[in-house]
C-alpha atoms as a PDB file:
ATOM      1  CA  MET A   1       2.860  34.054  34.755  1.00  0.00           C
ATOM      2  CA  ILE A   2      -0.191  34.844  36.868  1.00  0.00           C
ATOM      3  CA  ASP A   3      -3.545  33.937  35.356  1.00  0.00           C
ATOM      4  CA  PRO A   4      -5.461  37.216  34.793  1.00  0.00           C
ATOM      5  CA  ILE A   5      -8.677  35.366  35.687  1.00  0.00           C
ATOM      6  CA  ALA A   6      -9.070  35.175  39.461  1.00  0.00           C
ATOM      7  CA  PHE A   7     -11.970  32.697  39.485  1.00  0.00           C
ATOM      8  CA  GLN A   8     -15.051  31.539  37.586  1.00  0.00           C
ATOM      9  CA  LEU A   9     -18.698  31.974  38.515  1.00  0.00           C
ATOM     10  CA  GLY A  10     -20.273  29.530  36.128  1.00  0.00           C
ATOM     11  CA  PRO A  11     -19.764  30.981  32.624  1.00  0.00           C
ATOM     12  CA  ILE A  12     -18.585  34.328  34.036  1.00  0.00           C
ATOM     13  CA  SER A  13     -14.858  34.985  34.408  1.00  0.00           C
ATOM     14  CA  ILE A  14     -13.892  37.305  37.245  1.00  0.00           C
ATOM     15  CA  ARG A  15     -10.588  38.954  36.423  1.00  0.00           C
ATOM     16  CA  TRP A  16      -7.988  40.285  38.833  1.00  0.00           C
ATOM     17  CA  TYR A  17      -8.225  43.606  36.988  1.00  0.00           C
ATOM     18  CA  ALA A  18     -11.882  43.967  37.982  1.00  0.00           C
ATOM     19  CA  LEU A  19     -11.120  43.016  41.579  1.00  0.00           C
ATOM     20  CA  CYS A  20      -8.421  45.690  41.771  1.00  0.00           C
ATOM     21  CA  ILE A  21     -10.801  48.319  40.422  1.00  0.00           C
ATOM     22  CA  VAL A  22     -13.555  47.298  42.837  1.00  0.00           C
ATOM     23  CA  ALA A  23     -11.146  47.193  45.793  1.00  0.00           C
ATOM     24  CA  GLY A  24      -9.936  50.707  44.977  1.00  0.00           C
ATOM     25  CA  LEU A  25     -13.509  51.934  44.585  1.00  0.00           C
ATOM     26  CA  VAL A  26     -14.675  50.448  47.892  1.00  0.00           C
ATOM     27  CA  LEU A  27     -11.750  51.986  49.781  1.00  0.00           C
ATOM     28  CA  ALA A  28     -12.291  55.341  48.046  1.00  0.00           C
ATOM     29  CA  VAL A  29     -15.968  55.416  49.007  1.00  0.00           C
ATOM     30  CA  TYR A  30     -15.192  54.437  52.598  1.00  0.00           C
ATOM     31  CA  LEU A  31     -12.540  57.151  53.025  1.00  0.00           C
ATOM     32  CA  SER A  32     -14.692  59.826  51.391  1.00  0.00           C
ATOM     33  CA  ALA A  33     -17.724  58.944  53.493  1.00  0.00           C
ATOM     34  CA  LYS A  34     -15.614  59.013  56.655  1.00  0.00           C
ATOM     35  CA  GLU A  35     -14.173  62.454  55.814  1.00  0.00           C
ATOM     36  CA  ALA A  36     -17.443  63.969  54.552  1.00  0.00           C
ATOM     37  CA  PRO A  37     -18.879  65.063  57.955  1.00  0.00           C
ATOM     38  CA  ARG A  38     -15.783  67.217  58.539  1.00  0.00           C
ATOM     39  CA  LYS A  39     -17.033  69.391  55.652  1.00  0.00           C
ATOM     40  CA  LYS A  40     -20.677  69.084  56.703  1.00  0.00           C
ATOM     41  CA  ILE A  41     -21.442  66.688  53.872  1.00  0.00           C
ATOM     42  CA  LEU A  42     -23.581  63.603  54.494  1.00  0.00           C
ATOM     43  CA  ALA A  43     -22.053  60.170  53.943  1.00  0.00           C
ATOM     44  CA  ASP A  44     -25.254  59.315  52.037  1.00  0.00           C
ATOM     45  CA  ASP A  45     -24.349  62.038  49.531  1.00  0.00           C
ATOM     46  CA  VAL A  46     -21.081  60.220  48.849  1.00  0.00           C
ATOM     47  CA  TYR A  47     -22.898  56.919  48.329  1.00  0.00           C
ATOM     48  CA  ASP A  48     -25.468  58.517  46.036  1.00  0.00           C
ATOM     49  CA  PHE A  49     -22.761  60.228  44.015  1.00  0.00           C
ATOM     50  CA  ILE A  50     -20.903  56.948  43.407  1.00  0.00           C
ATOM     51  CA  LEU A  51     -24.072  55.267  42.150  1.00  0.00           C
ATOM     52  CA  TYR A  52     -24.274  57.898  39.410  1.00  0.00           C
ATOM     53  CA  ALA A  53     -20.598  58.571  38.792  1.00  0.00           C
ATOM     54  CA  PHE A  54     -19.054  55.104  38.596  1.00  0.00           C
ATOM     55  CA  PRO A  55     -20.977  53.729  35.586  1.00  0.00           C
ATOM     56  CA  ILE A  56     -20.700  57.065  33.772  1.00  0.00           C
ATOM     57  CA  ALA A  57     -16.962  57.185  34.490  1.00  0.00           C
ATOM     58  CA  ILE A  58     -16.541  53.728  32.949  1.00  0.00           C
ATOM     59  CA  VAL A  59     -18.352  54.925  29.817  1.00  0.00           C
ATOM     60  CA  GLY A  60     -16.173  58.053  29.743  1.00  0.00           C
ATOM     61  CA  ALA A  61     -12.999  56.006  30.112  1.00  0.00           C
ATOM     62  CA  ARG A  62     -14.063  53.784  27.221  1.00  0.00           C
ATOM     63  CA  LEU A  63     -15.083  56.683  24.958  1.00  0.00           C
ATOM     64  CA  TYR A  64     -11.776  58.454  25.583  1.00  0.00           C
ATOM     65  CA  TYR A  65      -9.878  55.348  24.519  1.00  0.00           C
ATOM     66  CA  VAL A  66     -12.060  54.717  21.467  1.00  0.00           C
ATOM     67  CA  ILE A  67     -11.821  58.326  20.244  1.00  0.00           C
ATOM     68  CA  PHE A  68      -8.028  58.270  20.282  1.00  0.00           C
ATOM     69  CA  SER A  69      -7.869  54.715  18.880  1.00  0.00           C
ATOM     70  CA  TRP A  70     -10.541  55.118  16.221  1.00  0.00           C
ATOM     71  CA  ASP A  71      -8.555  53.263  13.552  1.00  0.00           C
ATOM     72  CA  GLN A  72      -8.874  50.174  15.708  1.00  0.00           C
ATOM     73  CA  TYR A  73     -12.681  50.358  15.753  1.00  0.00           C
ATOM     74  CA  LYS A  74     -13.818  52.113  12.577  1.00  0.00           C
ATOM     75  CA  ASP A  75     -14.132  48.872  10.591  1.00  0.00           C
ATOM     76  CA  ASN A  76     -15.810  46.978  13.412  1.00  0.00           C
ATOM     77  CA  PRO A  77     -17.833  49.462  15.495  1.00  0.00           C
ATOM     78  CA  LEU A  78     -19.505  46.719  17.543  1.00  0.00           C
ATOM     79  CA  GLU A  79     -16.100  46.095  19.119  1.00  0.00           C
ATOM     80  CA  ILE A  80     -16.540  49.434  20.885  1.00  0.00           C
ATOM     81  CA  PHE A  81     -18.899  47.707  23.307  1.00  0.00           C
ATOM     82  CA  ALA A  82     -16.517  44.818  24.015  1.00  0.00           C
ATOM     83  CA  ILE A  83     -14.939  46.498  26.997  1.00  0.00           C
ATOM     84  CA  TRP A  84     -13.954  43.103  28.396  1.00  0.00           C
ATOM     85  CA  ASN A  85     -11.307  42.958  25.668  1.00  0.00           C
ATOM     86  CA  GLY A  86      -9.542  45.928  27.238  1.00  0.00           C
ATOM     87  CA  GLY A  87      -9.228  49.568  26.297  1.00  0.00           C
ATOM     88  CA  ILE A  88     -10.165  52.142  28.913  1.00  0.00           C
ATOM     89  CA  ALA A  89      -8.332  55.344  29.808  1.00  0.00           C
ATOM     90  CA  ILE A  90      -8.329  56.803  33.318  1.00  0.00           C
ATOM     91  CA  TYR A  91      -8.380  60.402  32.080  1.00  0.00           C
ATOM     92  CA  GLY A  92     -11.671  59.780  30.314  1.00  0.00           C
ATOM     93  CA  GLY A  93     -13.093  58.363  33.516  1.00  0.00           C
ATOM     94  CA  LEU A  94     -11.835  61.304  35.568  1.00  0.00           C
ATOM     95  CA  LEU A  95     -13.328  63.827  33.159  1.00  0.00           C
ATOM     96  CA  ALA A  96     -16.703  62.079  33.096  1.00  0.00           C
ATOM     97  CA  GLY A  97     -16.686  61.730  36.877  1.00  0.00           C
ATOM     98  CA  PHE A  98     -15.858  65.409  37.298  1.00  0.00           C
ATOM     99  CA  LEU A  99     -18.786  66.467  35.118  1.00  0.00           C
ATOM    100  CA  VAL A 100     -21.126  64.260  37.144  1.00  0.00           C
ATOM    101  CA  LEU A 101     -19.708  65.721  40.365  1.00  0.00           C
ATOM    102  CA  VAL A 102     -20.349  69.297  39.264  1.00  0.00           C
ATOM    103  CA  PHE A 103     -23.941  68.492  38.324  1.00  0.00           C
ATOM    104  CA  PHE A 104     -24.483  66.431  41.476  1.00  0.00           C
ATOM    105  CA  THR A 105     -23.153  69.021  43.925  1.00  0.00           C
ATOM    106  CA  ARG A 106     -25.165  71.824  42.373  1.00  0.00           C
ATOM    107  CA  HIS A 107     -28.296  69.695  42.478  1.00  0.00           C
ATOM    108  CA  ARG A 108     -27.675  68.833  46.169  1.00  0.00           C
ATOM    109  CA  PHE A 109     -26.582  72.392  47.089  1.00  0.00           C
ATOM    110  CA  ILE A 110     -23.146  71.158  48.181  1.00  0.00           C
ATOM    111  CA  ASN A 111     -20.049  73.291  47.695  1.00  0.00           C
ATOM    112  CA  THR A 112     -18.271  71.706  44.725  1.00  0.00           C
ATOM    113  CA  TRP A 113     -14.772  72.466  46.022  1.00  0.00           C
ATOM    114  CA  ASP A 114     -15.547  70.856  49.382  1.00  0.00           C
ATOM    115  CA  PHE A 115     -16.802  67.704  47.698  1.00  0.00           C
ATOM    116  CA  LEU A 116     -13.762  67.609  45.427  1.00  0.00           C
ATOM    117  CA  ASP A 117     -11.466  68.011  48.424  1.00  0.00           C
ATOM    118  CA  ILE A 118     -12.875  64.965  50.195  1.00  0.00           C
ATOM    119  CA  ALA A 119     -12.874  62.961  46.969  1.00  0.00           C
ATOM    120  CA  ALA A 120      -9.381  63.767  45.636  1.00  0.00           C
ATOM    121  CA  PRO A 121      -7.342  61.720  48.164  1.00  0.00           C
ATOM    122  CA  SER A 122      -9.731  58.798  47.732  1.00  0.00           C
ATOM    123  CA  VAL A 123      -9.361  58.922  43.961  1.00  0.00           C
ATOM    124  CA  MET A 124      -5.588  58.900  44.314  1.00  0.00           C
ATOM    125  CA  ILE A 125      -5.463  55.797  46.528  1.00  0.00           C
ATOM    126  CA  ALA A 126      -8.030  54.089  44.282  1.00  0.00           C
ATOM    127  CA  GLN A 127      -5.770  54.746  41.297  1.00  0.00           C
ATOM    128  CA  SER A 128      -2.820  53.349  43.223  1.00  0.00           C
ATOM    129  CA  ILE A 129      -4.684  50.098  43.846  1.00  0.00           C
ATOM    130  CA  GLY A 130      -6.311  49.979  40.420  1.00  0.00           C
ATOM    131  CA  ARG A 131      -2.939  50.110  38.638  1.00  0.00           C
ATOM    132  CA  TRP A 132      -2.240  46.607  39.915  1.00  0.00           C
ATOM    133  CA  GLY A 133      -4.908  45.441  37.504  1.00  0.00           C
ATOM    134  CA  ASN A 134      -2.408  46.289  34.749  1.00  0.00           C
ATOM    135  CA  PHE A 135       0.109  44.048  36.511  1.00  0.00           C
ATOM    136  CA  PHE A 136      -2.196  41.033  36.337  1.00  0.00           C
ATOM    137  CA  ASN A 137      -3.109  41.798  32.708  1.00  0.00           C
ATOM    138  CA  GLN A 138       0.543  42.359  31.720  1.00  0.00           C
ATOM    139  CA  GLU A 139      -0.254  45.727  30.171  1.00  0.00           C
ATOM    140  CA  ALA A 140       0.698  49.399  30.551  1.00  0.00           C
ATOM    141  CA  TYR A 141       4.378  48.450  30.700  1.00  0.00           C
ATOM    142  CA  GLY A 142       7.490  50.222  29.503  1.00  0.00           C
ATOM    143  CA  ALA A 143      10.483  49.484  27.305  1.00  0.00           C
ATOM    144  CA  LYS A 144      12.706  46.410  27.464  1.00  0.00           C
ATOM    145  CA  VAL A 145      15.323  46.289  30.216  1.00  0.00           C
ATOM    146  CA  PRO A 146      18.169  43.800  30.844  1.00  0.00           C
ATOM    147  CA  ASN A 147      16.813  42.768  34.239  1.00  0.00           C
ATOM    148  CA  LEU A 148      14.559  43.725  37.117  1.00  0.00           C
ATOM    149  CA  ASP A 149      16.669  42.373  39.936  1.00  0.00           C
ATOM    150  CA  PHE A 150      15.514  45.147  42.282  1.00  0.00           C
ATOM    151  CA  LEU A 151      11.979  43.722  42.287  1.00  0.00           C
ATOM    152  CA  PRO A 152      10.542  40.707  44.121  1.00  0.00           C
ATOM    153  CA  ALA A 153      10.483  37.549  42.004  1.00  0.00           C
ATOM    154  CA  SER A 154       6.677  37.517  41.754  1.00  0.00           C
ATOM    155  CA  ILE A 155       6.629  40.961  40.105  1.00  0.00           C
ATOM    156  CA  ARG A 156       9.774  40.370  38.073  1.00  0.00           C
ATOM    157  CA  GLU A 157       8.395  37.184  36.495  1.00  0.00           C
ATOM    158  CA  GLN A 158       5.110  38.854  35.600  1.00  0.00           C
ATOM    159  CA  MET A 159       7.058  41.604  33.848  1.00  0.00           C
ATOM    160  CA  TYR A 160       8.787  39.100  31.571  1.00  0.00           C
ATOM    161  CA  ILE A 161       6.760  39.748  28.418  1.00  0.00           C
ATOM    162  CA  ASP A 162       7.441  38.591  24.852  1.00  0.00           C
ATOM    163  CA  GLY A 163      10.890  37.314  25.745  1.00  0.00           C
ATOM    164  CA  SER A 164      12.123  40.397  27.633  1.00  0.00           C
ATOM    165  CA  TYR A 165      11.795  42.128  30.960  1.00  0.00           C
ATOM    166  CA  ARG A 166       9.733  45.318  30.788  1.00  0.00           C
ATOM    167  CA  GLN A 167       9.740  48.491  32.832  1.00  0.00           C
ATOM    168  CA  PRO A 168       6.940  48.066  35.446  1.00  0.00           C
ATOM    169  CA  THR A 169       5.400  51.463  34.818  1.00  0.00           C
ATOM    170  CA  PHE A 170       2.231  50.341  36.560  1.00  0.00           C
ATOM    171  CA  LEU A 171       4.318  49.988  39.734  1.00  0.00           C
ATOM    172  CA  TYR A 172       5.901  53.419  39.359  1.00  0.00           C
ATOM    173  CA  GLU A 173       2.511  55.085  38.995  1.00  0.00           C
ATOM    174  CA  SER A 174       1.007  53.077  41.829  1.00  0.00           C
ATOM    175  CA  GLY A 175       3.870  54.119  44.113  1.00  0.00           C
ATOM    176  CA  TRP A 176       3.689  57.762  42.996  1.00  0.00           C
ATOM    177  CA  ASN A 177      -0.027  57.877  43.760  1.00  0.00           C
ATOM    178  CA  LEU A 178       0.470  56.217  47.138  1.00  0.00           C
ATOM    179  CA  ILE A 179       3.068  58.834  48.108  1.00  0.00           C
ATOM    180  CA  GLY A 180       0.723  61.600  46.934  1.00  0.00           C
ATOM    181  CA  PHE A 181      -2.119  60.129  48.978  1.00  0.00           C
ATOM    182  CA  ILE A 182       0.015  60.056  52.125  1.00  0.00           C
ATOM    183  CA  LEU A 183       1.140  63.654  51.569  1.00  0.00           C
ATOM    184  CA  ILE A 184      -2.436  64.855  51.126  1.00  0.00           C
ATOM    185  CA  ILE A 185      -3.601  63.075  54.274  1.00  0.00           C
ATOM    186  CA  VAL A 186      -0.758  64.656  56.273  1.00  0.00           C
ATOM    187  CA  LEU A 187      -1.152  68.143  54.815  1.00  0.00           C
ATOM    188  CA  ARG A 188      -4.903  68.345  55.200  1.00  0.00           C
ATOM    189  CA  ARG A 189      -4.574  67.768  58.949  1.00  0.00           C
ATOM    190  CA  LYS A 190      -2.410  70.873  59.364  1.00  0.00           C
ATOM    191  CA  THR A 191      -4.379  73.781  60.758  1.00  0.00           C
ATOM    192  CA  LYS A 192      -4.631  76.824  58.473  1.00  0.00           C
ATOM    193  CA  PHE A 193      -2.290  75.430  55.829  1.00  0.00           C
ATOM    194  CA  LEU A 194      -4.413  74.399  52.852  1.00  0.00           C
ATOM    195  CA  LYS A 195      -7.309  76.516  51.713  1.00  0.00           C
ATOM    196  CA  GLN A 196     -10.560  75.291  50.231  1.00  0.00           C
ATOM    197  CA  GLY A 197      -9.922  73.551  46.919  1.00  0.00           C
ATOM    198  CA  GLU A 198      -6.170  73.169  47.365  1.00  0.00           C
ATOM    199  CA  ILE A 199      -6.336  69.455  48.135  1.00  0.00           C
ATOM    200  CA  THR A 200      -7.932  69.016  44.732  1.00  0.00           C
ATOM    201  CA  LEU A 201      -5.364  71.274  43.064  1.00  0.00           C
ATOM    202  CA  PHE A 202      -2.533  69.397  44.792  1.00  0.00           C
ATOM    203  CA  TYR A 203      -3.950  66.213  43.301  1.00  0.00           C
ATOM    204  CA  LEU A 204      -4.028  67.721  39.803  1.00  0.00           C
ATOM    205  CA  VAL A 205      -0.409  68.878  39.990  1.00  0.00           C
ATOM    206  CA  TRP A 206       0.981  65.798  41.748  1.00  0.00           C
ATOM    207  CA  TYR A 207      -0.787  63.277  39.563  1.00  0.00           C
ATOM    208  CA  GLY A 208      -0.150  65.263  36.393  1.00  0.00           C
ATOM    209  CA  ILE A 209       3.614  65.481  36.995  1.00  0.00           C
ATOM    210  CA  GLY A 210       3.962  61.794  37.775  1.00  0.00           C
ATOM    211  CA  ARG A 211       1.743  60.682  34.927  1.00  0.00           C
ATOM    212  CA  PHE A 212       3.610  62.862  32.406  1.00  0.00           C
ATOM    213  CA  PHE A 213       6.969  61.237  33.062  1.00  0.00           C
ATOM    214  CA  ILE A 214       5.705  57.698  33.642  1.00  0.00           C
ATOM    215  CA  GLU A 215       3.557  57.839  30.515  1.00  0.00           C
ATOM    216  CA  GLY A 216       6.683  58.759  28.552  1.00  0.00           C
ATOM    217  CA  MET A 217       8.178  55.418  29.564  1.00  0.00           C
ATOM    218  CA  ARG A 218       5.274  53.353  28.241  1.00  0.00           C
ATOM    219  CA  THR A 219       5.220  51.647  24.854  1.00  0.00           C
ATOM    220  CA  ASP A 220       1.455  51.166  24.410  1.00  0.00           C
ATOM    221  CA  SER A 221       0.182  54.728  24.770  1.00  0.00           C
ATOM    222  CA  LEU A 222      -2.084  56.686  22.438  1.00  0.00           C
ATOM    223  CA  MET A 223      -0.108  59.316  20.502  1.00  0.00           C
ATOM    224  CA  LEU A 224      -0.964  62.862  19.425  1.00  0.00           C
ATOM    225  CA  ALA A 225       1.359  65.458  17.853  1.00  0.00           C
ATOM    226  CA  GLY A 226       4.593  63.902  19.039  1.00  0.00           C
ATOM    227  CA  LEU A 227       3.540  63.247  22.615  1.00  0.00           C
ATOM    228  CA  ARG A 228       1.313  60.672  24.188  1.00  0.00           C
ATOM    229  CA  VAL A 229      -2.279  61.842  24.618  1.00  0.00           C
ATOM    230  CA  SER A 230      -2.051  61.355  28.371  1.00  0.00           C
ATOM    231  CA  GLN A 231       1.079  63.497  28.470  1.00  0.00           C
ATOM    232  CA  TRP A 232      -0.783  66.399  26.868  1.00  0.00           C
ATOM    233  CA  PHE A 233      -3.604  65.948  29.342  1.00  0.00           C
ATOM    234  CA  SER A 234      -1.101  65.758  32.209  1.00  0.00           C
ATOM    235  CA  LEU A 235       0.416  69.081  31.184  1.00  0.00           C
ATOM    236  CA  LEU A 236      -3.073  70.565  31.113  1.00  0.00           C
ATOM    237  CA  LEU A 237      -3.768  69.291  34.635  1.00  0.00           C
ATOM    238  CA  VAL A 238      -0.502  70.633  36.028  1.00  0.00           C
ATOM    239  CA  GLY A 239      -0.991  74.033  34.379  1.00  0.00           C
ATOM    240  CA  ALA A 240      -4.610  74.289  35.506  1.00  0.00           C
ATOM    241  CA  GLY A 241      -3.738  73.247  39.039  1.00  0.00           C
ATOM    242  CA  LEU A 242      -0.950  75.811  39.409  1.00  0.00           C
ATOM    243  CA  VAL A 243      -2.868  78.693  37.817  1.00  0.00           C
ATOM    244  CA  LEU A 244      -6.003  78.034  39.858  1.00  0.00           C
ATOM    245  CA  CYS A 245      -3.999  77.744  43.061  1.00  0.00           C
ATOM    246  CA  LEU A 246      -2.267  81.097  42.484  1.00  0.00           C
ATOM    247  CA  PHE A 247      -5.508  82.774  41.430  1.00  0.00           C
ATOM    248  CA  ARG A 248      -7.517  81.435  44.370  1.00  0.00           C
ATOM    249  CA  ARG A 249      -4.785  82.292  46.896  1.00  0.00           C
ATOM    250  CA  LYS A 250      -5.459  85.945  46.152  1.00  0.00           C
ATOM    251  CA  LYS A 251      -8.940  85.526  47.571  1.00  0.00           C
ATOM    252  CA  VAL A 252      -8.286  86.235  51.234  1.00  0.00           C
ATOM    253  CA  ASP A 253     -11.822  85.211  52.209  1.00  0.00           C
ATOM    254  CA  LEU A 254     -11.363  81.568  51.175  1.00  0.00           C
ATOM    255  CA  PRO A 255     -11.825  79.246  54.167  1.00  0.00           C
ATOM    256  CA  TYR A 256      -9.064  76.888  55.240  1.00  0.00           C
ATOM    257  CA  TYR A 257      -9.677  73.178  54.908  1.00  0.00           C
ATOM    258  CA  GLN A 258      -8.768  72.668  58.566  1.00  0.00           C
ATOM    259  CA  SER A 259      -9.464  75.590  60.901  1.00  0.00           C
ATOM    260  CA  GLU A 260      -8.679  75.969  64.561  1.00  0.00           C
END
């Protein structure tokens, strides 16, 4: 088993989970800043946005988890602040980050759809990297399976939890997001193919579909009305993405992401 703590800085433990999150964030910021000038957005705007959005997204991710796991915290509310003990949800972070983005772009007089379009691929690759934090923590796994012979030994051994091999759902989601990232990068380079906002809507549909099915494989998810909370949210994302895409396609004056 891999030690979830990467190294110590005096009394402070630096966990692999945190390193995965930071690595994903750094790459996301770099890619967004590099793409920003194509949409006439300053790289400094990307950097400024992250300074506001990242801490608020962490708070949103924690609040989302606490709200849907209230029984775990109602008798000991101070535990809500012990984020180092685990318990954050990506959908809460995405929602909080989106709200910050809307406020930020309006304040800076930046087209919100353009900013979303440069951010969406970066978010997807950051999620792909960040999911490996679950691998090191041995969390976000699926049901018991007889073996995992199709995986490298290093991953297979880490997925041996409580006396059984577990479905590596973190790996499935990481791979799904990586494929989605590659598709977005390819599609957005095609001239007059995607219109403004459709990179973002592709992200919503792609991520939502993958998350719905992968979440159904997990054994540690928050439940609501017979489905996992994240499955309900995934359905909402897919529906919103498809409806908005069809509605916006009727607007013939929408610019293409990549013009001639």
